[in-house]
Amino acid sequence: MSGIFTRGLKQGLQTTWTLGKVIFPITLIVTILQYTPVLPWVIEKLSPLMGLIGLSGEAAVPIVLGNVLNLYAGIGAIISFDFTVKEVFIMVIMLSFSHNLFIESAVASKVGVKWWIIVGVRIGLALIAASVINLVWNGGAEMAQYGFITQEQATLTTWGEITLNGIQTAIIAVIQLATIVIPLMIVMQMLREKGWLSKLSNGFAPVTKALGMEKNTSMTLVAGLTIGLAYGAGLMIQAIKEDGVSKRDMTLALIFLVSCHAVVEDTLIFIPLGIPVWPLLIIRLITAILLTMVISFLWKKEKQRKRKGITNEHSYNTI
């Protein structure tokens, strides 16, 4: 048992180092940017575009902060303004698909999928979902009641304080990563060596098969659904190396997870905003399932087309 723990710990430390090299500098840079004119400039430029998806200009603030930072920053910005229930629901839908873009997309790209694909899918889904809701929902005109949540932000005046705050935030982010990834890697090592991982994969096989993936992708999906995209990336990296997950299956898994990850946590944290969360959960799940199945089908058809073309070319050359 001690051998399993040691090997799992080693895997956890290696994964933490791999992901930490991405998370630390991005967290530091983004934290410092909060205190520069950069974010206000971006928000100012995006404000006129908000009207196209049924939002007021102030909605640019939580949308930008949620995408640049995280969901909590987006929620903190939402409660700083008076929005209607419809506006809050549109913003929540957008942020559920697209948030924490820099860190999550950079970390997820470590599994071999181009970062621009991840960013493109997430922003595309956010804009499409917002446009559809704006067109089909005629209600939600009453003002949102936010409940018992507050926003607290430290007042920093000097560049030394800002830089120190950025370093502290980045260190905390890496420590949080380690506290999740290392125990997860130890558990995964035990499941793998005890043979339990195969049984778990077999049980989840019908789901992965329906999505167009092999059963050895199941643990990647479970991890992403429960602990999120950034932390789940650690398990994805290990799955590629040790479980023989193909690049195709990993790409499909990542497309599913960029649409629907940390599905319980990311849904529950929106409850204090006073909006219905069940529609949010259902929209995310259905979108992820349909998008993954469509891409898997098109990928398979394209592969068959290329194979048929090669066969025909071979027959012609033979003649």
Protein backbone atom coordinates (compact mmCIF):
# COMPACT_ATOMS: atom_id res chain seq x y z
CA MET A 1 0.00 0.00 0.00
CA SER A 2 2.87 2.36 0.77
CA GLY A 3 4.20 1.79 -2.74
CA ILE A 4 0.89 2.83 -4.25
CA PHE A 5 0.85 5.97 -2.08
CA THR A 6 4.42 6.86 -3.10
CA ARG A 7 3.75 6.38 -6.80
CA GLY A 8 0.51 8.35 -6.57
CA LEU A 9 2.24 11.14 -4.67
CA LYS A 10 4.96 11.30 -7.32
CA GLN A 11 2.34 11.54 -10.07
CA GLY A 12 0.51 14.25 -8.12
CA LEU A 13 3.64 16.32 -7.63
CA GLN A 14 4.61 16.01 -11.29
CA THR A 15 1.13 17.03 -12.41
CA THR A 16 1.04 19.94 -9.95
CA TRP A 17 4.38 21.15 -11.31
CA THR A 18 3.16 20.87 -14.91
CA LEU A 19 -0.06 22.78 -14.27
CA GLY A 20 1.44 25.17 -11.71
CA LYS A 21 3.87 26.51 -14.32
CA VAL A 22 0.81 27.69 -16.23
CA ILE A 23 -1.45 28.77 -13.37
CA PHE A 24 1.08 30.85 -11.40
CA PRO A 25 2.16 33.36 -14.09
CA ILE A 26 -1.33 33.77 -15.55
CA THR A 27 -2.88 34.34 -12.12
CA LEU A 28 -0.18 36.87 -11.27
CA ILE A 29 -0.60 38.81 -14.52
CA VAL A 30 -4.40 38.86 -14.45
CA THR A 31 -4.50 39.90 -10.77
CA ILE A 32 -2.21 42.84 -11.49
CA LEU A 33 -4.24 43.81 -14.57
CA GLN A 34 -7.23 44.47 -12.33
CA TYR A 35 -5.48 47.58 -11.05
CA THR A 36 -4.45 48.94 -14.46
CA PRO A 37 -6.46 50.78 -17.17
CA VAL A 38 -6.50 47.62 -19.31
CA LEU A 39 -9.67 45.99 -17.96
CA PRO A 40 -11.69 49.24 -17.86
CA TRP A 41 -10.67 49.86 -21.49
CA VAL A 42 -11.83 46.38 -22.55
CA ILE A 43 -15.12 46.85 -20.69
CA GLU A 44 -15.69 50.24 -22.35
CA LYS A 45 -15.17 48.77 -25.83
CA LEU A 46 -17.53 45.84 -25.18
CA SER A 47 -20.37 47.85 -23.66
CA PRO A 48 -22.03 48.78 -27.02
CA LEU A 49 -22.09 45.09 -28.01
CA MET A 50 -24.10 44.07 -24.95
CA GLY A 51 -27.32 45.42 -26.44
CA LEU A 52 -27.15 42.84 -29.24
CA ILE A 53 -27.80 40.05 -26.72
CA GLY A 54 -30.33 41.87 -24.58
CA LEU A 55 -27.99 43.28 -21.94
CA SER A 56 -27.30 46.79 -20.69
CA GLY A 57 -23.87 48.33 -20.98
CA GLU A 58 -23.08 47.61 -17.32
CA ALA A 59 -23.28 43.88 -18.08
CA ALA A 60 -19.87 44.14 -19.75
CA VAL A 61 -18.30 44.42 -16.29
CA PRO A 62 -19.32 40.96 -14.93
CA ILE A 63 -18.87 39.32 -18.35
CA VAL A 64 -15.28 40.57 -18.68
CA LEU A 65 -14.35 39.93 -15.04
CA GLY A 66 -15.87 36.45 -15.11
CA ASN A 67 -13.96 35.53 -18.25
CA VAL A 68 -10.67 37.10 -17.21
CA LEU A 69 -10.86 36.01 -13.57
CA ASN A 70 -13.45 33.48 -12.38
CA LEU A 71 -17.14 32.94 -11.64
CA TYR A 72 -16.86 34.52 -8.19
CA ALA A 73 -15.51 37.75 -9.69
CA GLY A 74 -18.37 37.74 -12.18
CA ILE A 75 -20.96 37.20 -9.43
CA GLY A 76 -19.38 39.95 -7.34
CA ALA A 77 -19.71 42.32 -10.28
CA ILE A 78 -23.34 41.33 -10.95
CA ILE A 79 -24.46 42.24 -7.43
CA SER A 80 -22.82 45.66 -7.82
CA PHE A 81 -25.49 46.69 -10.35
CA ASP A 82 -29.27 46.56 -10.68
CA PHE A 83 -30.18 44.03 -13.37
CA THR A 84 -33.44 42.37 -14.36
CA VAL A 85 -33.95 38.63 -13.81
CA LYS A 86 -33.62 38.07 -17.57
CA GLU A 87 -30.33 39.98 -17.73
CA VAL A 88 -28.93 38.05 -14.77
CA PHE A 89 -29.99 34.73 -16.31
CA ILE A 90 -28.36 35.63 -19.65
CA MET A 91 -25.13 36.62 -17.90
CA VAL A 92 -25.15 33.46 -15.79
CA ILE A 93 -25.65 31.29 -18.89
CA MET A 94 -22.77 33.04 -20.62
CA LEU A 95 -20.47 32.73 -17.61
CA SER A 96 -21.35 29.07 -17.08
CA PHE A 97 -20.03 28.34 -20.58
CA SER A 98 -17.21 30.86 -20.65
CA HIS A 99 -15.29 31.82 -17.50
CA ASN A 100 -11.72 31.87 -16.23
CA LEU A 101 -10.62 31.62 -19.87
CA PHE A 102 -6.90 32.26 -19.48
CA ILE A 103 -6.17 29.67 -16.81
CA GLU A 104 -8.65 26.95 -17.77
CA SER A 105 -7.89 27.17 -21.48
CA ALA A 106 -4.12 27.23 -20.98
CA VAL A 107 -4.21 24.31 -18.58
CA ALA A 108 -6.61 22.30 -20.74
CA SER A 109 -4.39 22.86 -23.78
CA LYS A 110 -1.72 20.83 -21.98
CA VAL A 111 -3.56 17.68 -23.09
CA GLY A 112 -2.73 18.49 -26.71
CA VAL A 113 -5.82 20.37 -27.90
CA LYS A 114 -5.19 23.81 -29.39
CA TRP A 115 -6.08 26.60 -26.97
CA TRP A 116 -7.95 28.59 -29.62
CA ILE A 117 -10.34 25.66 -30.15
CA ILE A 118 -11.15 25.64 -26.43
CA VAL A 119 -11.62 29.42 -26.29
CA GLY A 120 -13.62 29.47 -29.52
CA VAL A 121 -16.04 26.76 -28.39
CA ARG A 122 -16.63 28.38 -25.01
CA ILE A 123 -17.16 31.93 -26.30
CA GLY A 124 -19.26 30.65 -29.20
CA LEU A 125 -21.56 28.69 -26.89
CA ALA A 126 -21.88 31.68 -24.56
CA LEU A 127 -22.91 34.04 -27.37
CA ILE A 128 -25.29 31.56 -29.02
CA ALA A 129 -26.99 30.69 -25.72
CA ALA A 130 -27.37 34.37 -24.80
CA SER A 131 -28.83 35.23 -28.21
CA VAL A 132 -31.33 32.36 -28.11
CA ILE A 133 -32.53 33.20 -24.58
CA ASN A 134 -32.87 36.86 -25.48
CA LEU A 135 -35.05 35.96 -28.47
CA VAL A 136 -37.27 33.24 -26.98
CA TRP A 137 -37.81 34.49 -23.39
CA ASN A 138 -40.24 37.37 -23.06
CA GLY A 139 -40.39 37.33 -19.25
CA GLY A 140 -37.92 38.20 -16.51
CA ALA A 141 -38.52 41.95 -16.62
CA GLU A 142 -38.67 42.27 -12.81
CA MET A 143 -35.56 43.35 -10.94
CA ALA A 144 -33.39 40.55 -9.56
CA GLN A 145 -33.20 40.02 -5.79
CA TYR A 146 -29.69 38.93 -4.92
CA GLY A 147 -30.02 37.59 -1.39
CA PHE A 148 -27.35 37.55 1.32
CA ILE A 149 -24.13 37.94 -0.62
CA THR A 150 -21.65 40.78 -0.50
CA GLN A 151 -18.64 41.90 -2.45
CA GLU A 152 -15.41 42.71 -0.68
CA GLN A 153 -12.31 43.96 -2.45
CA ALA A 154 -9.09 45.11 -0.89
CA THR A 155 -8.00 48.71 -1.56
CA LEU A 156 -4.44 48.66 -2.82
CA THR A 157 -2.63 51.94 -3.52
CA THR A 158 0.98 51.16 -4.45
CA TRP A 159 2.52 48.93 -7.10
CA GLY A 160 4.34 47.08 -4.34
CA GLU A 161 1.05 46.17 -2.66
CA ILE A 162 -0.51 45.22 -5.99
CA THR A 163 2.43 43.00 -6.95
CA LEU A 164 2.54 41.37 -3.52
CA ASN A 165 -1.20 40.70 -3.72
CA GLY A 166 -0.72 39.16 -7.17
CA ILE A 167 2.07 36.87 -5.93
CA GLN A 168 0.02 35.81 -2.89
CA THR A 169 -3.02 35.08 -5.09
CA ALA A 170 -0.91 33.05 -7.52
CA ILE A 171 0.70 31.03 -4.70
CA ILE A 172 -2.71 30.32 -3.17
CA ALA A 173 -3.98 29.18 -6.59
CA VAL A 174 -1.12 26.68 -6.92
CA ILE A 175 -1.61 25.45 -3.33
CA GLN A 176 -5.32 24.92 -4.03
CA LEU A 177 -4.33 23.02 -7.17
CA ALA A 178 -1.99 20.76 -5.18
CA THR A 179 -4.57 20.04 -2.47
CA ILE A 180 -6.94 18.72 -5.13
CA VAL A 181 -4.61 17.12 -7.67
CA ILE A 182 -2.25 15.22 -5.33
CA PRO A 183 -4.97 13.32 -3.40
CA LEU A 184 -6.75 12.67 -6.70
CA MET A 185 -3.62 11.16 -8.25
CA ILE A 186 -3.09 8.95 -5.17
CA VAL A 187 -6.68 7.69 -5.37
CA MET A 188 -6.36 7.13 -9.10
CA GLN A 189 -3.15 5.17 -8.61
CA MET A 190 -4.88 2.94 -6.06
CA LEU A 191 -7.90 2.44 -8.35
CA ARG A 192 -5.63 1.56 -11.25
CA GLU A 193 -3.39 -0.90 -9.40
CA LYS A 194 -6.29 -2.57 -7.55
CA GLY A 195 -8.16 -3.11 -10.80
CA TRP A 196 -11.13 -1.01 -9.70
CA LEU A 197 -10.60 1.56 -12.44
CA SER A 198 -11.44 -0.98 -15.13
CA LYS A 199 -14.70 -1.87 -13.38
CA LEU A 200 -15.61 1.81 -13.02
CA SER A 201 -14.81 2.44 -16.68
CA ASN A 202 -16.97 -0.52 -17.70
CA GLY A 203 -19.88 0.88 -15.70
CA PHE A 204 -19.58 4.28 -17.36
CA ALA A 205 -18.92 2.77 -20.81
CA PRO A 206 -22.48 3.23 -22.18
CA VAL A 207 -22.25 6.98 -21.57
CA THR A 208 -18.85 7.39 -23.22
CA LYS A 209 -19.94 5.16 -26.12
CA ALA A 210 -23.05 7.29 -26.68
CA LEU A 211 -20.80 10.33 -26.85
CA GLY A 212 -18.55 8.62 -29.41
CA MET A 213 -15.62 7.82 -27.10
CA GLU A 214 -13.94 4.66 -25.82
CA LYS A 215 -14.60 3.51 -22.25
CA ASN A 216 -11.08 4.44 -21.07
CA THR A 217 -12.17 8.09 -21.34
CA SER A 218 -14.77 7.66 -18.59
CA MET A 219 -12.62 8.78 -15.65
CA THR A 220 -11.64 11.95 -17.49
CA LEU A 221 -15.30 12.83 -17.94
CA VAL A 222 -16.15 12.04 -14.31
CA ALA A 223 -13.26 14.16 -13.03
CA GLY A 224 -14.12 17.12 -15.24
CA LEU A 225 -17.80 16.97 -14.36
CA THR A 226 -17.11 16.90 -10.63
CA ILE A 227 -13.95 18.92 -9.95
CA GLY A 228 -13.77 21.19 -12.99
CA LEU A 229 -11.79 21.74 -16.16
CA ALA A 230 -8.54 23.10 -14.75
CA TYR A 231 -8.16 20.50 -11.98
CA GLY A 232 -9.54 17.73 -14.18
CA ALA A 233 -6.79 18.48 -16.69
CA GLY A 234 -4.35 16.80 -14.32
CA LEU A 235 -6.25 13.55 -14.67
CA MET A 236 -6.45 14.02 -18.44
CA ILE A 237 -2.69 14.34 -18.72
CA GLN A 238 -2.18 11.14 -16.75
CA ALA A 239 -4.90 9.36 -18.77
CA ILE A 240 -3.09 10.09 -22.02
CA LYS A 241 0.18 8.70 -20.67
CA GLU A 242 -1.05 5.65 -18.77
CA ASP A 243 -4.55 4.71 -19.93
CA GLY A 244 -3.95 4.92 -23.66
CA VAL A 245 -6.67 7.51 -24.29
CA SER A 246 -6.47 8.54 -27.97
CA LYS A 247 -6.10 12.16 -29.04
CA ARG A 248 -9.52 11.95 -30.73
CA ASP A 249 -11.24 10.76 -27.54
CA MET A 250 -9.42 13.32 -25.43
CA THR A 251 -10.47 16.08 -27.82
CA LEU A 252 -14.11 14.95 -27.63
CA ALA A 253 -13.91 14.72 -23.85
CA LEU A 254 -12.49 18.22 -23.67
CA ILE A 255 -15.21 19.59 -25.95
CA PHE A 256 -17.81 18.00 -23.66
CA LEU A 257 -16.15 19.43 -20.57
CA VAL A 258 -15.69 22.98 -21.88
CA SER A 259 -19.47 22.97 -22.29
CA CYS A 260 -20.27 21.30 -18.98
CA HIS A 261 -17.67 20.99 -16.20
CA ALA A 262 -17.89 21.23 -12.41
CA VAL A 263 -21.57 20.99 -13.17
CA VAL A 264 -22.81 20.83 -9.56
CA GLU A 265 -20.59 23.55 -8.09
CA ASP A 266 -20.91 25.94 -11.02
CA THR A 267 -24.70 25.63 -10.82
CA LEU A 268 -25.14 25.96 -7.06
CA ILE A 269 -23.03 29.12 -6.68
CA PHE A 270 -25.56 31.02 -8.79
CA ILE A 271 -28.47 30.33 -6.40
CA PRO A 272 -27.95 33.54 -4.34
CA LEU A 273 -28.53 35.60 -7.50
CA GLY A 274 -32.23 34.76 -7.34
CA ILE A 275 -32.54 33.01 -10.71
CA PRO A 276 -33.86 29.52 -11.58
CA VAL A 277 -30.86 27.17 -11.64
CA TRP A 278 -32.54 24.01 -12.95
CA PRO A 279 -32.87 25.45 -16.47
CA LEU A 280 -29.19 26.41 -16.28
CA LEU A 281 -28.18 22.85 -15.40
CA ILE A 282 -30.38 21.32 -18.10
CA ILE A 283 -29.16 23.73 -20.79
CA ARG A 284 -25.51 22.97 -20.01
CA LEU A 285 -25.98 19.19 -20.00
CA ILE A 286 -28.04 19.07 -23.20
CA THR A 287 -25.66 21.44 -25.00
CA ALA A 288 -22.61 19.38 -24.00
CA ILE A 289 -24.20 16.08 -25.03
CA LEU A 290 -25.50 17.30 -28.39
CA LEU A 291 -22.33 19.19 -29.30
CA THR A 292 -20.09 16.23 -28.50
CA MET A 293 -22.29 13.74 -30.36
CA VAL A 294 -22.47 15.96 -33.46
CA ILE A 295 -18.72 16.54 -33.57
CA SER A 296 -18.06 12.83 -33.02
CA PHE A 297 -20.43 11.94 -35.89
CA LEU A 298 -18.90 14.48 -38.28
CA TRP A 299 -15.39 13.37 -37.30
CA LYS A 300 -16.28 9.75 -38.01
CA LYS A 301 -17.86 10.60 -41.38
CA GLU A 302 -14.82 12.62 -42.41
CA LYS A 303 -12.52 9.74 -41.46
CA GLN A 304 -14.63 7.32 -43.52
CA ARG A 305 -14.58 9.70 -46.47
CA LYS A 306 -10.80 9.98 -46.39
CA ARG A 307 -10.44 6.22 -46.05
CA LYS A 308 -12.72 5.68 -49.03
CA GLY A 309 -10.74 8.21 -51.05
CA ILE A 310 -7.48 6.42 -50.28
CA THR A 311 -9.03 3.05 -51.25
CA ASN A 312 -10.33 4.42 -54.56
CA GLU A 313 -6.97 5.98 -55.34
CA HIS A 314 -5.23 2.67 -54.63
CA SER A 315 -7.67 0.80 -56.93
CA TYR A 316 -7.08 3.31 -59.73
CA ASN A 317 -3.28 3.05 -59.44
CA THR A 318 -3.53 -0.73 -59.44
CA ILE A 319 -5.53 -0.72 -62.67
